[in-house]
PDB file of N, CA and C in Angstrom:
ATOM      1  N   MET A   1     -28.523  76.568  42.305  1.00  0.00           N
ATOM      2  CA  MET A   1     -29.305  76.533  43.519  1.00  0.00           C
ATOM      3  C   MET A   1     -29.657  77.955  43.922  1.00  0.00           C
ATOM      4  N   ARG A   2     -30.812  78.041  44.575  1.00  0.00           N
ATOM      5  CA  ARG A   2     -31.256  79.348  45.052  1.00  0.00           C
ATOM      6  C   ARG A   2     -31.619  79.259  46.528  1.00  0.00           C
ATOM      7  N   LEU A   3     -31.341  80.326  47.231  1.00  0.00           N
ATOM      8  CA  LEU A   3     -31.695  80.446  48.641  1.00  0.00           C
ATOM      9  C   LEU A   3     -32.744  81.536  48.754  1.00  0.00           C
ATOM     10  N   LEU A   4     -33.907  81.181  49.289  1.00  0.00           N
ATOM     11  CA  LEU A   4     -35.004  82.139  49.433  1.00  0.00           C
ATOM     12  C   LEU A   4     -35.630  82.012  50.813  1.00  0.00           C
ATOM     13  N   ARG A   5     -36.268  83.093  51.249  1.00  0.00           N
ATOM     14  CA  ARG A   5     -37.030  83.052  52.491  1.00  0.00           C
ATOM     15  C   ARG A   5     -38.172  82.061  52.338  1.00  0.00           C
ATOM     16  N   TYR A   6     -38.479  81.369  53.420  1.00  0.00           N
ATOM     17  CA  TYR A   6     -39.578  80.405  53.448  1.00  0.00           C
ATOM     18  C   TYR A   6     -40.432  80.791  54.648  1.00  0.00           C
ATOM     19  N   GLY A   7     -41.476  81.552  54.381  1.00  0.00           N
ATOM     20  CA  GLY A   7     -42.239  82.123  55.486  1.00  0.00           C
ATOM     21  C   GLY A   7     -41.484  83.296  56.066  1.00  0.00           C
ATOM     22  N   GLN A   8     -41.707  83.549  57.343  1.00  0.00           N
ATOM     23  CA  GLN A   8     -41.046  84.689  57.980  1.00  0.00           C
ATOM     24  C   GLN A   8     -39.750  84.326  58.679  1.00  0.00           C
ATOM     25  N   ARG A   9     -39.607  83.057  59.065  1.00  0.00           N
ATOM     26  CA  ARG A   9     -38.469  82.687  59.903  1.00  0.00           C
ATOM     27  C   ARG A   9     -37.486  81.720  59.281  1.00  0.00           C
ATOM     28  N   TYR A  10     -37.818  81.113  58.171  1.00  0.00           N
ATOM     29  CA  TYR A  10     -37.029  80.016  57.654  1.00  0.00           C
ATOM     30  C   TYR A  10     -36.388  80.347  56.315  1.00  0.00           C
ATOM     31  N   TRP A  11     -35.466  79.486  55.891  1.00  0.00           N
ATOM     32  CA  TRP A  11     -34.760  79.627  54.626  1.00  0.00           C
ATOM     33  C   TRP A  11     -34.907  78.340  53.838  1.00  0.00           C
ATOM     34  N   ALA A  12     -35.181  78.466  52.551  1.00  0.00           N
ATOM     35  CA  ALA A  12     -35.372  77.296  51.689  1.00  0.00           C
ATOM     36  C   ALA A  12     -34.318  77.282  50.594  1.00  0.00           C
ATOM     37  N   ILE A  13     -33.866  76.084  50.267  1.00  0.00           N
ATOM     38  CA  ILE A  13     -32.921  75.890  49.171  1.00  0.00           C
ATOM     39  C   ILE A  13     -33.659  75.152  48.062  1.00  0.00           C
ATOM     40  N   TYR A  14     -33.594  75.720  46.862  1.00  0.00           N
ATOM     41  CA  TYR A  14     -34.228  75.139  45.687  1.00  0.00           C
ATOM     42  C   TYR A  14     -33.152  74.773  44.671  1.00  0.00           C
ATOM     43  N   ASP A  15     -33.353  73.667  43.946  1.00  0.00           N
ATOM     44  CA  ASP A  15     -32.404  73.309  42.902  1.00  0.00           C
ATOM     45  C   ASP A  15     -32.667  74.132  41.648  1.00  0.00           C
ATOM     46  N   LYS A  16     -31.876  73.896  40.609  1.00  0.00           N
ATOM     47  CA  LYS A  16     -31.983  74.704  39.393  1.00  0.00           C
ATOM     48  C   LYS A  16     -33.302  74.496  38.664  1.00  0.00           C
ATOM     49  N   ASN A  17     -34.024  73.402  38.978  1.00  0.00           N
ATOM     50  CA  ASN A  17     -35.327  73.143  38.372  1.00  0.00           C
ATOM     51  C   ASN A  17     -36.477  73.716  39.201  1.00  0.00           C
ATOM     52  N   GLY A  18     -36.145  74.346  40.326  1.00  0.00           N
ATOM     53  CA  GLY A  18     -37.159  74.938  41.181  1.00  0.00           C
ATOM     54  C   GLY A  18     -37.738  73.991  42.208  1.00  0.00           C
ATOM     55  N   GLU A  19     -37.136  72.809  42.346  1.00  0.00           N
ATOM     56  CA  GLU A  19     -37.621  71.832  43.321  1.00  0.00           C
ATOM     57  C   GLU A  19     -37.016  72.124  44.691  1.00  0.00           C
ATOM     58  N   LEU A  20     -37.845  72.069  45.713  1.00  0.00           N
ATOM     59  CA  LEU A  20     -37.397  72.318  47.079  1.00  0.00           C
ATOM     60  C   LEU A  20     -36.479  71.202  47.549  1.00  0.00           C
ATOM     61  N   ILE A  21     -35.298  71.575  48.042  1.00  0.00           N
ATOM     62  CA  ILE A  21     -34.341  70.602  48.557  1.00  0.00           C
ATOM     63  C   ILE A  21     -34.471  70.484  50.071  1.00  0.00           C
ATOM     64  N   CYS A  22     -34.431  71.624  50.766  1.00  0.00           N
ATOM     65  CA  CYS A  22     -34.566  71.588  52.221  1.00  0.00           C
ATOM     66  C   CYS A  22     -34.964  72.963  52.752  1.00  0.00           C
ATOM     67  N   VAL A  23     -35.393  72.962  54.016  1.00  0.00           N
ATOM     68  CA  VAL A  23     -35.752  74.190  54.728  1.00  0.00           C
ATOM     69  C   VAL A  23     -34.942  74.198  56.018  1.00  0.00           C
ATOM     70  N   THR A  24     -34.335  75.346  56.313  1.00  0.00           N
ATOM     71  CA  THR A  24     -33.545  75.470  57.534  1.00  0.00           C
ATOM     72  C   THR A  24     -34.062  76.629  58.374  1.00  0.00           C
ATOM     73  N   VAL A  25     -33.673  76.634  59.629  1.00  0.00           N
ATOM     74  CA  VAL A  25     -34.053  77.714  60.531  1.00  0.00           C
ATOM     75  C   VAL A  25     -33.125  78.904  60.339  1.00  0.00           C
ATOM     76  N   TYR A  26     -31.847  78.634  60.163  1.00  0.00           N
ATOM     77  CA  TYR A  26     -30.864  79.699  60.075  1.00  0.00           C
ATOM     78  C   TYR A  26     -30.303  79.833  58.663  1.00  0.00           C
ATOM     79  N   LYS A  27     -30.059  81.054  58.264  1.00  0.00           N
ATOM     80  CA  LYS A  27     -29.478  81.306  56.946  1.00  0.00           C
ATOM     81  C   LYS A  27     -28.070  80.715  56.861  1.00  0.00           C
ATOM     82  N   LYS A  28     -27.334  80.826  57.933  1.00  0.00           N
ATOM     83  CA  LYS A  28     -25.976  80.273  57.958  1.00  0.00           C
ATOM     84  C   LYS A  28     -26.001  78.767  57.703  1.00  0.00           C
ATOM     85  N   GLY A  29     -26.969  78.075  58.269  1.00  0.00           N
ATOM     86  CA  GLY A  29     -27.109  76.643  58.040  1.00  0.00           C
ATOM     87  C   GLY A  29     -27.470  76.338  56.599  1.00  0.00           C
ATOM     88  N   ALA A  30     -28.341  77.151  56.013  1.00  0.00           N
ATOM     89  CA  ALA A  30     -28.732  76.968  54.615  1.00  0.00           C
ATOM     90  C   ALA A  30     -27.531  77.162  53.694  1.00  0.00           C
ATOM     91  N   LEU A  31     -26.716  78.150  53.983  1.00  0.00           N
ATOM     92  CA  LEU A  31     -25.527  78.391  53.171  1.00  0.00           C
ATOM     93  C   LEU A  31     -24.548  77.228  53.270  1.00  0.00           C
ATOM     94  N   GLU A  32     -24.443  76.635  54.452  1.00  0.00           N
ATOM     95  CA  GLU A  32     -23.558  75.477  54.633  1.00  0.00           C
ATOM     96  C   GLU A  32     -24.072  74.274  53.842  1.00  0.00           C
ATOM     97  N   VAL A  33     -25.379  74.053  53.838  1.00  0.00           N
ATOM     98  CA  VAL A  33     -25.955  72.958  53.059  1.00  0.00           C
ATOM     99  C   VAL A  33     -25.674  73.178  51.578  1.00  0.00           C
ATOM    100  N   MET A  34     -25.863  74.401  51.096  1.00  0.00           N
ATOM    101  CA  MET A  34     -25.595  74.707  49.692  1.00  0.00           C
ATOM    102  C   MET A  34     -24.131  74.447  49.350  1.00  0.00           C
ATOM    103  N   LYS A  35     -23.233  74.863  50.235  1.00  0.00           N
ATOM    104  CA  LYS A  35     -21.796  74.662  50.013  1.00  0.00           C
ATOM    105  C   LYS A  35     -21.468  73.176  49.897  1.00  0.00           C
ATOM    106  N   ARG A  36     -22.023  72.373  50.796  1.00  0.00           N
ATOM    107  CA  ARG A  36     -21.735  70.935  50.786  1.00  0.00           C
ATOM    108  C   ARG A  36     -22.339  70.257  49.563  1.00  0.00           C
ATOM    109  N   LEU A  37     -23.527  70.662  49.166  1.00  0.00           N
ATOM    110  CA  LEU A  37     -24.134  70.078  47.968  1.00  0.00           C
ATOM    111  C   LEU A  37     -23.329  70.431  46.722  1.00  0.00           C
ATOM    112  N   ASN A  38     -22.856  71.667  46.643  1.00  0.00           N
ATOM    113  CA  ASN A  38     -22.037  72.067  45.505  1.00  0.00           C
ATOM    114  C   ASN A  38     -20.727  71.296  45.466  1.00  0.00           C
ATOM    115  N   ASN A  39     -20.100  71.077  46.622  1.00  0.00           N
ATOM    116  CA  ASN A  39     -18.857  70.302  46.668  1.00  0.00           C
ATOM    117  C   ASN A  39     -19.124  68.861  46.251  1.00  0.00           C
ATOM    118  N   ASN A  40     -20.241  68.303  46.669  1.00  0.00           N
ATOM    119  CA  ASN A  40     -20.589  66.930  46.304  1.00  0.00           C
ATOM    120  C   ASN A  40     -20.814  66.811  44.803  1.00  0.00           C
ATOM    121  N   GLU A  41     -21.469  67.779  44.186  1.00  0.00           N
ATOM    122  CA  GLU A  41     -21.689  67.759  42.744  1.00  0.00           C
ATOM    123  C   GLU A  41     -20.364  67.796  41.991  1.00  0.00           C
ATOM    124  N   ARG A  42     -19.428  68.600  42.460  1.00  0.00           N
ATOM    125  CA  ARG A  42     -18.123  68.692  41.825  1.00  0.00           C
ATOM    126  C   ARG A  42     -17.358  67.377  41.914  1.00  0.00           C
ATOM    127  N   GLU A  43     -17.419  66.749  43.089  1.00  0.00           N
ATOM    128  CA  GLU A  43     -16.726  65.475  43.277  1.00  0.00           C
ATOM    129  C   GLU A  43     -17.296  64.400  42.362  1.00  0.00           C
ATOM    130  N   GLU A  44     -18.607  64.370  42.203  1.00  0.00           N
ATOM    131  CA  GLU A  44     -19.244  63.362  41.334  1.00  0.00           C
ATOM    132  C   GLU A  44     -18.903  63.612  39.873  1.00  0.00           C
ATOM    133  N   SER A  45     -18.773  64.868  39.471  1.00  0.00           N
ATOM    134  CA  SER A  45     -18.452  65.154  38.069  1.00  0.00           C
ATOM    135  C   SER A  45     -16.999  64.819  37.757  1.00  0.00           C
ATOM    136  N   ASP A  46     -16.139  64.766  38.781  1.00  0.00           N
ATOM    137  CA  ASP A  46     -14.727  64.418  38.567  1.00  0.00           C
ATOM    138  C   ASP A  46     -14.533  62.919  38.328  1.00  0.00           C
ATOM    139  N   LEU A  47     -15.534  62.118  38.661  1.00  0.00           N
ATOM    140  CA  LEU A  47     -15.398  60.653  38.527  1.00  0.00           C
ATOM    141  C   LEU A  47     -15.413  60.220  37.116  1.00  0.00           C
TER     142      LEU A  47
END
């Protein structure tokens, strides 16, 4: 996953294929979304 600026005020999260996942207002919020998505991926791979 990548975190990039989206315009001047927002933050965008892209998956490894370059597809947009979400846009947030705050960088801290974007980092939290990335953290939760990564934890979810790990949990699914453990099944």
